[in-house]
mmCIF file of all heavy atoms, coordinates in Angstrom:
data_MODEL
# 
_entry.id   MODEL 
# 
loop_
_atom_site.group_PDB 
_atom_site.id 
_atom_site.type_symbol 
_atom_site.label_atom_id 
_atom_site.label_alt_id 
_atom_site.label_comp_id 
_atom_site.label_asym_id 
_atom_site.label_entity_id 
_atom_site.label_seq_id 
_atom_site.pdbx_PDB_ins_code 
_atom_site.Cartn_x 
_atom_site.Cartn_y 
_atom_site.Cartn_z 
_atom_site.occupancy 
_atom_site.B_iso_or_equiv 
_atom_site.pdbx_formal_charge 
_atom_site.auth_seq_id 
_atom_site.auth_comp_id 
_atom_site.auth_asym_id 
_atom_site.auth_atom_id 
_atom_site.pdbx_PDB_model_num 
ATOM 1   N N   . MET A 1 1  ? -13.208 7.809   -12.296 1.00 0.00 ? 1  MET A N   1 
ATOM 2   C CA  . MET A 1 1  ? -13.555 6.796   -11.308 1.00 0.00 ? 1  MET A CA  1 
ATOM 3   C C   . MET A 1 1  ? -14.121 7.448   -10.050 1.00 0.00 ? 1  MET A C   1 
ATOM 4   O O   . MET A 1 1  ? -13.658 8.504   -9.629  1.00 0.00 ? 1  MET A O   1 
ATOM 5   C CB  . MET A 1 1  ? -12.320 5.965   -10.944 1.00 0.00 ? 1  MET A CB  1 
ATOM 6   C CG  . MET A 1 1  ? -11.774 5.152   -12.096 1.00 0.00 ? 1  MET A CG  1 
ATOM 7   S SD  . MET A 1 1  ? -10.450 4.016   -11.602 1.00 0.00 ? 1  MET A SD  1 
ATOM 8   C CE  . MET A 1 1  ? -9.140  5.137   -11.187 1.00 0.00 ? 1  MET A CE  1 
ATOM 9   N N   . ARG A 1 2  ? -15.112 6.790   -9.476  1.00 0.00 ? 2  ARG A N   1 
ATOM 10  C CA  . ARG A 1 2  ? -15.707 7.240   -8.212  1.00 0.00 ? 2  ARG A CA  1 
ATOM 11  C C   . ARG A 1 2  ? -15.419 6.195   -7.136  1.00 0.00 ? 2  ARG A C   1 
ATOM 12  O O   . ARG A 1 2  ? -15.623 5.005   -7.364  1.00 0.00 ? 2  ARG A O   1 
ATOM 13  C CB  . ARG A 1 2  ? -17.213 7.413   -8.354  1.00 0.00 ? 2  ARG A CB  1 
ATOM 14  C CG  . ARG A 1 2  ? -17.635 8.393   -9.423  1.00 0.00 ? 2  ARG A CG  1 
ATOM 15  C CD  . ARG A 1 2  ? -17.471 9.831   -8.967  1.00 0.00 ? 2  ARG A CD  1 
ATOM 16  N NE  . ARG A 1 2  ? -18.094 10.765  -9.890  1.00 0.00 ? 2  ARG A NE  1 
ATOM 17  C CZ  . ARG A 1 2  ? -17.471 11.356  -10.895 1.00 0.00 ? 2  ARG A CZ  1 
ATOM 18  N NH1 . ARG A 1 2  ? -16.197 11.095  -11.123 1.00 0.00 ? 2  ARG A NH1 1 
ATOM 19  N NH2 . ARG A 1 2  ? -18.107 12.202  -11.687 1.00 0.00 ? 2  ARG A NH2 1 
ATOM 20  N N   . ASN A 1 3  ? -14.961 6.629   -5.998  1.00 0.00 ? 3  ASN A N   1 
ATOM 21  C CA  . ASN A 1 3  ? -14.726 5.711   -4.879  1.00 0.00 ? 3  ASN A CA  1 
ATOM 22  C C   . ASN A 1 3  ? -13.844 4.531   -5.283  1.00 0.00 ? 3  ASN A C   1 
ATOM 23  O O   . ASN A 1 3  ? -14.105 3.386   -4.908  1.00 0.00 ? 3  ASN A O   1 
ATOM 24  C CB  . ASN A 1 3  ? -16.043 5.174   -4.316  1.00 0.00 ? 3  ASN A CB  1 
ATOM 25  C CG  . ASN A 1 3  ? -16.800 6.237   -3.532  1.00 0.00 ? 3  ASN A CG  1 
ATOM 26  O OD1 . ASN A 1 3  ? -16.258 7.279   -3.228  1.00 0.00 ? 3  ASN A OD1 1 
ATOM 27  N ND2 . ASN A 1 3  ? -18.058 5.965   -3.219  1.00 0.00 ? 3  ASN A ND2 1 
ATOM 28  N N   . ALA A 1 4  ? -12.802 4.789   -6.024  1.00 0.00 ? 4  ALA A N   1 
ATOM 29  C CA  . ALA A 1 4  ? -11.834 3.741   -6.341  1.00 0.00 ? 4  ALA A CA  1 
ATOM 30  C C   . ALA A 1 4  ? -10.648 3.907   -5.403  1.00 0.00 ? 4  ALA A C   1 
ATOM 31  O O   . ALA A 1 4  ? -10.241 5.022   -5.085  1.00 0.00 ? 4  ALA A O   1 
ATOM 32  C CB  . ALA A 1 4  ? -11.378 3.837   -7.792  1.00 0.00 ? 4  ALA A CB  1 
ATOM 33  N N   . TYR A 1 5  ? -10.084 2.778   -4.978  1.00 0.00 ? 5  TYR A N   1 
ATOM 34  C CA  . TYR A 1 5  ? -8.982  2.826   -4.013  1.00 0.00 ? 5  TYR A CA  1 
ATOM 35  C C   . TYR A 1 5  ? -7.841  1.919   -4.451  1.00 0.00 ? 5  TYR A C   1 
ATOM 36  O O   . TYR A 1 5  ? -7.977  1.086   -5.349  1.00 0.00 ? 5  TYR A O   1 
ATOM 37  C CB  . TYR A 1 5  ? -9.476  2.422   -2.620  1.00 0.00 ? 5  TYR A CB  1 
ATOM 38  C CG  . TYR A 1 5  ? -10.349 3.473   -1.981  1.00 0.00 ? 5  TYR A CG  1 
ATOM 39  C CD1 . TYR A 1 5  ? -11.706 3.535   -2.276  1.00 0.00 ? 5  TYR A CD1 1 
ATOM 40  C CD2 . TYR A 1 5  ? -9.812  4.430   -1.118  1.00 0.00 ? 5  TYR A CD2 1 
ATOM 41  C CE1 . TYR A 1 5  ? -12.509 4.524   -1.715  1.00 0.00 ? 5  TYR A CE1 1 
ATOM 42  C CE2 . TYR A 1 5  ? -10.607 5.411   -0.558  1.00 0.00 ? 5  TYR A CE2 1 
ATOM 43  C CZ  . TYR A 1 5  ? -11.951 5.454   -0.859  1.00 0.00 ? 5  TYR A CZ  1 
ATOM 44  O OH  . TYR A 1 5  ? -12.735 6.439   -0.315  1.00 0.00 ? 5  TYR A OH  1 
ATOM 45  N N   . LEU A 1 6  ? -6.724  2.092   -3.794  1.00 0.00 ? 6  LEU A N   1 
ATOM 46  C CA  . LEU A 1 6  ? -5.560  1.246   -3.991  1.00 0.00 ? 6  LEU A CA  1 
ATOM 47  C C   . LEU A 1 6  ? -5.304  0.494   -2.696  1.00 0.00 ? 6  LEU A C   1 
ATOM 48  O O   . LEU A 1 6  ? -5.243  1.111   -1.620  1.00 0.00 ? 6  LEU A O   1 
ATOM 49  C CB  . LEU A 1 6  ? -4.327  2.092   -4.337  1.00 0.00 ? 6  LEU A CB  1 
ATOM 50  C CG  . LEU A 1 6  ? -4.387  2.856   -5.654  1.00 0.00 ? 6  LEU A CG  1 
ATOM 51  C CD1 . LEU A 1 6  ? -3.334  3.946   -5.671  1.00 0.00 ? 6  LEU A CD1 1 
ATOM 52  C CD2 . LEU A 1 6  ? -4.203  1.911   -6.831  1.00 0.00 ? 6  LEU A CD2 1 
ATOM 53  N N   . ARG A 1 7  ? -5.179  -0.798  -2.802  1.00 0.00 ? 7  ARG A N   1 
ATOM 54  C CA  . ARG A 1 7  ? -4.806  -1.604  -1.641  1.00 0.00 ? 7  ARG A CA  1 
ATOM 55  C C   . ARG A 1 7  ? -3.289  -1.689  -1.599  1.00 0.00 ? 7  ARG A C   1 
ATOM 56  O O   . ARG A 1 7  ? -2.646  -2.049  -2.594  1.00 0.00 ? 7  ARG A O   1 
ATOM 57  C CB  . ARG A 1 7  ? -5.417  -3.000  -1.725  1.00 0.00 ? 7  ARG A CB  1 
ATOM 58  C CG  . ARG A 1 7  ? -5.036  -3.897  -0.558  1.00 0.00 ? 7  ARG A CG  1 
ATOM 59  C CD  . ARG A 1 7  ? -5.603  -5.297  -0.741  1.00 0.00 ? 7  ARG A CD  1 
ATOM 60  N NE  . ARG A 1 7  ? -5.018  -6.213  0.222   1.00 0.00 ? 7  ARG A NE  1 
ATOM 61  C CZ  . ARG A 1 7  ? -5.504  -6.447  1.442   1.00 0.00 ? 7  ARG A CZ  1 
ATOM 62  N NH1 . ARG A 1 7  ? -6.605  -5.835  1.833   1.00 0.00 ? 7  ARG A NH1 1 
ATOM 63  N NH2 . ARG A 1 7  ? -4.902  -7.289  2.262   1.00 0.00 ? 7  ARG A NH2 1 
ATOM 64  N N   . LEU A 1 8  ? -2.690  -1.370  -0.465  1.00 0.00 ? 8  LEU A N   1 
ATOM 65  C CA  . LEU A 1 8  ? -1.241  -1.446  -0.286  1.00 0.00 ? 8  LEU A CA  1 
ATOM 66  C C   . LEU A 1 8  ? -0.905  -2.829  0.258   1.00 0.00 ? 8  LEU A C   1 
ATOM 67  O O   . LEU A 1 8  ? -1.282  -3.163  1.385   1.00 0.00 ? 8  LEU A O   1 
ATOM 68  C CB  . LEU A 1 8  ? -0.749  -0.351  0.664   1.00 0.00 ? 8  LEU A CB  1 
ATOM 69  C CG  . LEU A 1 8  ? -0.543  1.047   0.048   1.00 0.00 ? 8  LEU A CG  1 
ATOM 70  C CD1 . LEU A 1 8  ? -1.816  1.588   -0.591  1.00 0.00 ? 8  LEU A CD1 1 
ATOM 71  C CD2 . LEU A 1 8  ? -0.036  2.028   1.081   1.00 0.00 ? 8  LEU A CD2 1 
ATOM 72  N N   . GLU A 1 9  ? -0.214  -3.607  -0.552  1.00 0.00 ? 9  GLU A N   1 
ATOM 73  C CA  . GLU A 1 9  ? 0.039   -5.011  -0.229  1.00 0.00 ? 9  GLU A CA  1 
ATOM 74  C C   . GLU A 1 9  ? 1.297   -5.139  0.631   1.00 0.00 ? 9  GLU A C   1 
ATOM 75  O O   . GLU A 1 9  ? 2.330   -5.666  0.202   1.00 0.00 ? 9  GLU A O   1 
ATOM 76  C CB  . GLU A 1 9  ? 0.179   -5.826  -1.512  1.00 0.00 ? 9  GLU A CB  1 
ATOM 77  C CG  . GLU A 1 9  ? -1.026  -5.763  -2.428  1.00 0.00 ? 9  GLU A CG  1 
ATOM 78  C CD  . GLU A 1 9  ? -2.218  -6.553  -1.881  1.00 0.00 ? 9  GLU A CD  1 
ATOM 79  O OE1 . GLU A 1 9  ? -2.043  -7.271  -0.872  1.00 0.00 ? 9  GLU A OE1 1 
ATOM 80  O OE2 . GLU A 1 9  ? -3.311  -6.458  -2.461  1.00 0.00 ? 9  GLU A OE2 1 
ATOM 81  N N   . HIS A 1 10 ? 1.186   -4.692  1.880   1.00 0.00 ? 10 HIS A N   1 
ATOM 82  C CA  . HIS A 1 10 ? 2.353   -4.665  2.764   1.00 0.00 ? 10 HIS A CA  1 
ATOM 83  C C   . HIS A 1 10 ? 2.901   -6.068  3.036   1.00 0.00 ? 10 HIS A C   1 
ATOM 84  O O   . HIS A 1 10 ? 4.113   -6.267  3.083   1.00 0.00 ? 10 HIS A O   1 
ATOM 85  C CB  . HIS A 1 10 ? 1.996   -3.995  4.085   1.00 0.00 ? 10 HIS A CB  1 
ATOM 86  C CG  . HIS A 1 10 ? 1.707   -2.527  3.958   1.00 0.00 ? 10 HIS A CG  1 
ATOM 87  N ND1 . HIS A 1 10 ? 2.674   -1.602  3.633   1.00 0.00 ? 10 HIS A ND1 1 
ATOM 88  C CD2 . HIS A 1 10 ? 0.550   -1.834  4.110   1.00 0.00 ? 10 HIS A CD2 1 
ATOM 89  C CE1 . HIS A 1 10 ? 2.131   -0.394  3.593   1.00 0.00 ? 10 HIS A CE1 1 
ATOM 90  N NE2 . HIS A 1 10 ? 0.849   -0.514  3.878   1.00 0.00 ? 10 HIS A NE2 1 
ATOM 91  N N   . GLU A 1 11 ? 2.023   -7.030  3.228   1.00 0.00 ? 11 GLU A N   1 
ATOM 92  C CA  . GLU A 1 11 ? 2.486   -8.371  3.593   1.00 0.00 ? 11 GLU A CA  1 
ATOM 93  C C   . GLU A 1 11 ? 3.134   -9.077  2.408   1.00 0.00 ? 11 GLU A C   1 
ATOM 94  O O   . GLU A 1 11 ? 4.271   -9.547  2.491   1.00 0.00 ? 11 GLU A O   1 
ATOM 95  C CB  . GLU A 1 11 ? 1.316   -9.195  4.134   1.00 0.00 ? 11 GLU A CB  1 
ATOM 96  C CG  . GLU A 1 11 ? 0.795   -8.677  5.466   1.00 0.00 ? 11 GLU A CG  1 
ATOM 97  C CD  . GLU A 1 11 ? -0.326  -9.547  5.996   1.00 0.00 ? 11 GLU A CD  1 
ATOM 98  O OE1 . GLU A 1 11 ? -0.569  -10.622 5.409   1.00 0.00 ? 11 GLU A OE1 1 
ATOM 99  O OE2 . GLU A 1 11 ? -0.951  -9.171  7.000   1.00 0.00 ? 11 GLU A OE2 1 
ATOM 100 N N   . SER A 1 12 ? 2.431   -9.152  1.301   1.00 0.00 ? 12 SER A N   1 
ATOM 101 C CA  . SER A 1 12 ? 2.957   -9.900  0.165   1.00 0.00 ? 12 SER A CA  1 
ATOM 102 C C   . SER A 1 12 ? 4.087   -9.169  -0.552  1.00 0.00 ? 12 SER A C   1 
ATOM 103 O O   . SER A 1 12 ? 4.967   -9.798  -1.137  1.00 0.00 ? 12 SER A O   1 
ATOM 104 C CB  . SER A 1 12 ? 1.833   -10.220 -0.823  1.00 0.00 ? 12 SER A CB  1 
ATOM 105 O OG  . SER A 1 12 ? 1.151   -9.031  -1.179  1.00 0.00 ? 12 SER A OG  1 
ATOM 106 N N   . ALA A 1 13 ? 4.079   -7.830  -0.506  1.00 0.00 ? 13 ALA A N   1 
ATOM 107 C CA  . ALA A 1 13 ? 5.155   -7.071  -1.157  1.00 0.00 ? 13 ALA A CA  1 
ATOM 108 C C   . ALA A 1 13 ? 6.389   -6.971  -0.269  1.00 0.00 ? 13 ALA A C   1 
ATOM 109 O O   . ALA A 1 13 ? 7.415   -6.430  -0.689  1.00 0.00 ? 13 ALA A O   1 
ATOM 110 C CB  . ALA A 1 13 ? 4.667   -5.681  -1.537  1.00 0.00 ? 13 ALA A CB  1 
ATOM 111 N N   . ARG A 1 14 ? 6.274   -7.446  0.965   1.00 0.00 ? 14 ARG A N   1 
ATOM 112 C CA  . ARG A 1 14 ? 7.414   -7.568  1.882   1.00 0.00 ? 14 ARG A CA  1 
ATOM 113 C C   . ARG A 1 14 ? 8.193   -6.254  2.050   1.00 0.00 ? 14 ARG A C   1 
ATOM 114 O O   . ARG A 1 14 ? 9.403   -6.191  1.883   1.00 0.00 ? 14 ARG A O   1 
ATOM 115 C CB  . ARG A 1 14 ? 8.355   -8.666  1.401   1.00 0.00 ? 14 ARG A CB  1 
ATOM 116 C CG  . ARG A 1 14 ? 7.694   -10.028 1.365   1.00 0.00 ? 14 ARG A CG  1 
ATOM 117 C CD  . ARG A 1 14 ? 8.639   -11.088 0.853   1.00 0.00 ? 14 ARG A CD  1 
ATOM 118 N NE  . ARG A 1 14 ? 7.964   -12.377 0.732   1.00 0.00 ? 14 ARG A NE  1 
ATOM 119 C CZ  . ARG A 1 14 ? 8.525   -13.472 0.236   1.00 0.00 ? 14 ARG A CZ  1 
ATOM 120 N NH1 . ARG A 1 14 ? 9.783   -13.438 -0.177  1.00 0.00 ? 14 ARG A NH1 1 
ATOM 121 N NH2 . ARG A 1 14 ? 7.849   -14.596 0.148   1.00 0.00 ? 14 ARG A NH2 1 
ATOM 122 N N   . GLY A 1 15 ? 7.478   -5.214  2.362   1.00 0.00 ? 15 GLY A N   1 
ATOM 123 C CA  . GLY A 1 15 ? 8.140   -3.945  2.656   1.00 0.00 ? 15 GLY A CA  1 
ATOM 124 C C   . GLY A 1 15 ? 8.875   -3.342  1.477   1.00 0.00 ? 15 GLY A C   1 
ATOM 125 O O   . GLY A 1 15 ? 9.977   -2.814  1.631   1.00 0.00 ? 15 GLY A O   1 
ATOM 126 N N   . HIS A 1 16 ? 8.297   -3.423  0.297   1.00 0.00 ? 16 HIS A N   1 
ATOM 127 C CA  . HIS A 1 16 ? 8.956   -2.856  -0.888  1.00 0.00 ? 16 HIS A CA  1 
ATOM 128 C C   . HIS A 1 16 ? 9.191   -1.356  -0.690  1.00 0.00 ? 16 HIS A C   1 
ATOM 129 O O   . HIS A 1 16 ? 8.352   -0.659  -0.111  1.00 0.00 ? 16 HIS A O   1 
ATOM 130 C CB  . HIS A 1 16 ? 8.093   -3.087  -2.129  1.00 0.00 ? 16 HIS A CB  1 
ATOM 131 C CG  . HIS A 1 16 ? 8.825   -2.841  -3.408  1.00 0.00 ? 16 HIS A CG  1 
ATOM 132 N ND1 . HIS A 1 16 ? 9.061   -1.577  -3.889  1.00 0.00 ? 16 HIS A ND1 1 
ATOM 133 C CD2 . HIS A 1 16 ? 9.395   -3.698  -4.281  1.00 0.00 ? 16 HIS A CD2 1 
ATOM 134 C CE1 . HIS A 1 16 ? 9.736   -1.659  -5.022  1.00 0.00 ? 16 HIS A CE1 1 
ATOM 135 N NE2 . HIS A 1 16 ? 9.948   -2.939  -5.283  1.00 0.00 ? 16 HIS A NE2 1 
ATOM 136 N N   . PRO A 1 17 ? 10.325  -0.830  -1.159  1.00 0.00 ? 17 PRO A N   1 
ATOM 137 C CA  . PRO A 1 17 ? 10.624  0.600   -0.989  1.00 0.00 ? 17 PRO A CA  1 
ATOM 138 C C   . PRO A 1 17 ? 9.557   1.528   -1.562  1.00 0.00 ? 17 PRO A C   1 
ATOM 139 O O   . PRO A 1 17 ? 9.460   2.687   -1.141  1.00 0.00 ? 17 PRO A O   1 
ATOM 140 C CB  . PRO A 1 17 ? 11.952  0.768   -1.739  1.00 0.00 ? 17 PRO A CB  1 
ATOM 141 C CG  . PRO A 1 17 ? 12.582  -0.579  -1.702  1.00 0.00 ? 17 PRO A CG  1 
ATOM 142 C CD  . PRO A 1 17 ? 11.462  -1.563  -1.762  1.00 0.00 ? 17 PRO A CD  1 
ATOM 143 N N   . LEU A 1 18 ? 8.742   1.039   -2.509  1.00 0.00 ? 18 LEU A N   1 
ATOM 144 C CA  . LEU A 1 18 ? 7.682   1.883   -3.051  1.00 0.00 ? 18 LEU A CA  1 
ATOM 145 C C   . LEU A 1 18 ? 6.693   2.306   -1.972  1.00 0.00 ? 18 LEU A C   1 
ATOM 146 O O   . LEU A 1 18 ? 6.071   3.363   -2.058  1.00 0.00 ? 18 LEU A O   1 
ATOM 147 C CB  . LEU A 1 18 ? 6.939   1.141   -4.170  1.00 0.00 ? 18 LEU A CB  1 
ATOM 148 C CG  . LEU A 1 18 ? 5.919   1.990   -4.938  1.00 0.00 ? 18 LEU A CG  1 
ATOM 149 C CD1 . LEU A 1 18 ? 6.628   2.949   -5.895  1.00 0.00 ? 18 LEU A CD1 1 
ATOM 150 C CD2 . LEU A 1 18 ? 4.944   1.110   -5.708  1.00 0.00 ? 18 LEU A CD2 1 
ATOM 151 N N   . LEU A 1 19 ? 6.548   1.482   -0.926  1.00 0.00 ? 19 LEU A N   1 
ATOM 152 C CA  . LEU A 1 19 ? 5.565   1.754   0.130   1.00 0.00 ? 19 LEU A CA  1 
ATOM 153 C C   . LEU A 1 19 ? 6.186   2.429   1.345   1.00 0.00 ? 19 LEU A C   1 
ATOM 154 O O   . LEU A 1 19 ? 5.538   2.563   2.383   1.00 0.00 ? 19 LEU A O   1 
ATOM 155 C CB  . LEU A 1 19 ? 4.883   0.451   0.555   1.00 0.00 ? 19 LEU A CB  1 
ATOM 156 C CG  . LEU A 1 19 ? 4.209   -0.347  -0.570  1.00 0.00 ? 19 LEU A CG  1 
ATOM 157 C CD1 . LEU A 1 19 ? 3.528   -1.586  -0.007  1.00 0.00 ? 19 LEU A CD1 1 
ATOM 158 C CD2 . LEU A 1 19 ? 3.210   0.509   -1.339  1.00 0.00 ? 19 LEU A CD2 1 
ATOM 159 N N   . ARG A 1 20 ? 7.420   2.878   1.229   1.00 0.00 ? 20 ARG A N   1 
ATOM 160 C CA  . ARG A 1 20 ? 8.101   3.526   2.351   1.00 0.00 ? 20 ARG A CA  1 
ATOM 161 C C   . ARG A 1 20 ? 7.330   4.773   2.785   1.00 0.00 ? 20 ARG A C   1 
ATOM 162 O O   . ARG A 1 20 ? 6.925   5.598   1.979   1.00 0.00 ? 20 ARG A O   1 
ATOM 163 C CB  . ARG A 1 20 ? 9.520   3.906   1.928   1.00 0.00 ? 20 ARG A CB  1 
ATOM 164 C CG  . ARG A 1 20 ? 10.381  4.457   3.056   1.00 0.00 ? 20 ARG A CG  1 
ATOM 165 C CD  . ARG A 1 20 ? 11.747  4.848   2.501   1.00 0.00 ? 20 ARG A CD  1 
ATOM 166 N NE  . ARG A 1 20 ? 12.420  3.712   1.883   1.00 0.00 ? 20 ARG A NE  1 
ATOM 167 C CZ  . ARG A 1 20 ? 13.268  3.832   0.867   1.00 0.00 ? 20 ARG A CZ  1 
ATOM 168 N NH1 . ARG A 1 20 ? 13.523  5.012   0.343   1.00 0.00 ? 20 ARG A NH1 1 
ATOM 169 N NH2 . ARG A 1 20 ? 13.845  2.753   0.379   1.00 0.00 ? 20 ARG A NH2 1 
ATOM 170 N N   . GLY A 1 21 ? 7.104   4.896   4.089   1.00 0.00 ? 21 GLY A N   1 
ATOM 171 C CA  . GLY A 1 21 ? 6.376   6.042   4.624   1.00 0.00 ? 21 GLY A CA  1 
ATOM 172 C C   . GLY A 1 21 ? 4.875   5.865   4.621   1.00 0.00 ? 21 GLY A C   1 
ATOM 173 O O   . GLY A 1 21 ? 4.136   6.730   5.097   1.00 0.00 ? 21 GLY A O   1 
ATOM 174 N N   . LEU A 1 22 ? 4.401   4.727   4.091   1.00 0.00 ? 22 LEU A N   1 
ATOM 175 C CA  . LEU A 1 22 ? 2.968   4.458   4.034   1.00 0.00 ? 22 LEU A CA  1 
ATOM 176 C C   . LEU A 1 22 ? 2.613   3.201   4.827   1.00 0.00 ? 22 LEU A C   1 
ATOM 177 O O   . LEU A 1 22 ? 1.568   2.589   4.611   1.00 0.00 ? 22 LEU A O   1 
ATOM 178 C CB  . LEU A 1 22 ? 2.528   4.276   2.579   1.00 0.00 ? 22 LEU A CB  1 
ATOM 179 C CG  . LEU A 1 22 ? 2.691   5.508   1.681   1.00 0.00 ? 22 LEU A CG  1 
ATOM 180 C CD1 . LEU A 1 22 ? 2.540   5.117   0.214   1.00 0.00 ? 22 LEU A CD1 1 
ATOM 181 C CD2 . LEU A 1 22 ? 1.691   6.586   2.043   1.00 0.00 ? 22 LEU A CD2 1 
ATOM 182 N N   . GLU A 1 23 ? 3.486   2.823   5.766   1.00 0.00 ? 23 GLU A N   1 
ATOM 183 C CA  . GLU A 1 23 ? 3.323   1.558   6.484   1.00 0.00 ? 23 GLU A CA  1 
ATOM 184 C C   . GLU A 1 23 ? 2.021   1.477   7.276   1.00 0.00 ? 23 GLU A C   1 
ATOM 185 O O   . GLU A 1 23 ? 1.510   0.374   7.523   1.00 0.00 ? 23 GLU A O   1 
ATOM 186 C CB  . GLU A 1 23 ? 4.509   1.341   7.433   1.00 0.00 ? 23 GLU A CB  1 
ATOM 187 C CG  . GLU A 1 23 ? 5.832   1.061   6.754   1.00 0.00 ? 23 GLU A CG  1 
ATOM 188 C CD  . GLU A 1 23 ? 6.548   2.314   6.265   1.00 0.00 ? 23 GLU A CD  1 
ATOM 189 O OE1 . GLU A 1 23 ? 6.042   3.430   6.528   1.00 0.00 ? 23 GLU A OE1 1 
ATOM 190 O OE2 . GLU A 1 23 ? 7.604   2.189   5.623   1.00 0.00 ? 23 GLU A OE2 1 
ATOM 191 N N   . ASP A 1 24 ? 1.470   2.593   7.694   1.00 0.00 ? 24 ASP A N   1 
ATOM 192 C CA  . ASP A 1 24 ? 0.250   2.564   8.510   1.00 0.00 ? 24 ASP A CA  1 
ATOM 193 C C   . ASP A 1 24 ? -1.023  2.675   7.668   1.00 0.00 ? 24 ASP A C   1 
ATOM 194 O O   . ASP A 1 24 ? -2.116  2.781   8.213   1.00 0.00 ? 24 ASP A O   1 
ATOM 195 C CB  . ASP A 1 24 ? 0.276   3.685   9.554   1.00 0.00 ? 24 ASP A CB  1 
ATOM 196 C CG  . ASP A 1 24 ? 0.350   5.071   8.920   1.00 0.00 ? 24 ASP A CG  1 
ATOM 197 O OD1 . ASP A 1 24 ? 0.666   5.156   7.712   1.00 0.00 ? 24 ASP A OD1 1 
ATOM 198 O OD2 . ASP A 1 24 ? 0.107   6.062   9.631   1.00 0.00 ? 24 ASP A OD2 1 
ATOM 199 N N   . ALA A 1 25 ? -0.884  2.646   6.331   1.00 0.00 ? 25 ALA A N   1 
ATOM 200 C CA  . ALA A 1 25 ? -2.049  2.817   5.462   1.00 0.00 ? 25 ALA A CA  1 
ATOM 201 C C   . ALA A 1 25 ? -2.389  1.507   4.755   1.00 0.00 ? 25 ALA A C   1 
ATOM 202 O O   . ALA A 1 25 ? -1.607  1.026   3.937   1.00 0.00 ? 25 ALA A O   1 
ATOM 203 C CB  . ALA A 1 25 ? -1.775  3.899   4.421   1.00 0.00 ? 25 ALA A CB  1 
ATOM 204 N N   . PRO A 1 26 ? -3.541  0.891   5.052   1.00 0.00 ? 26 PRO A N   1 
ATOM 205 C CA  . PRO A 1 26 ? -3.930  -0.326  4.331   1.00 0.00 ? 26 PRO A CA  1 
ATOM 206 C C   . PRO A 1 26 ? -4.445  -0.033  2.929   1.00 0.00 ? 26 PRO A C   1 
ATOM 207 O O   . PRO A 1 26 ? -4.355  -0.864  2.036   1.00 0.00 ? 26 PRO A O   1 
ATOM 208 C CB  . PRO A 1 26 ? -5.033  -0.924  5.210   1.00 0.00 ? 26 PRO A CB  1 
ATOM 209 C CG  . PRO A 1 26 ? -5.611  0.257   5.936   1.00 0.00 ? 26 PRO A CG  1 
ATOM 210 C CD  . PRO A 1 26 ? -4.479  1.217   6.145   1.00 0.00 ? 26 PRO A CD  1 
# 
């Protein structure tokens, strides 16, 4: 893949522990 990204769903995932430490990354 070229220029593929992951969107971090902070709002809908409601602060899931999987995203801990990545709060400032959209």
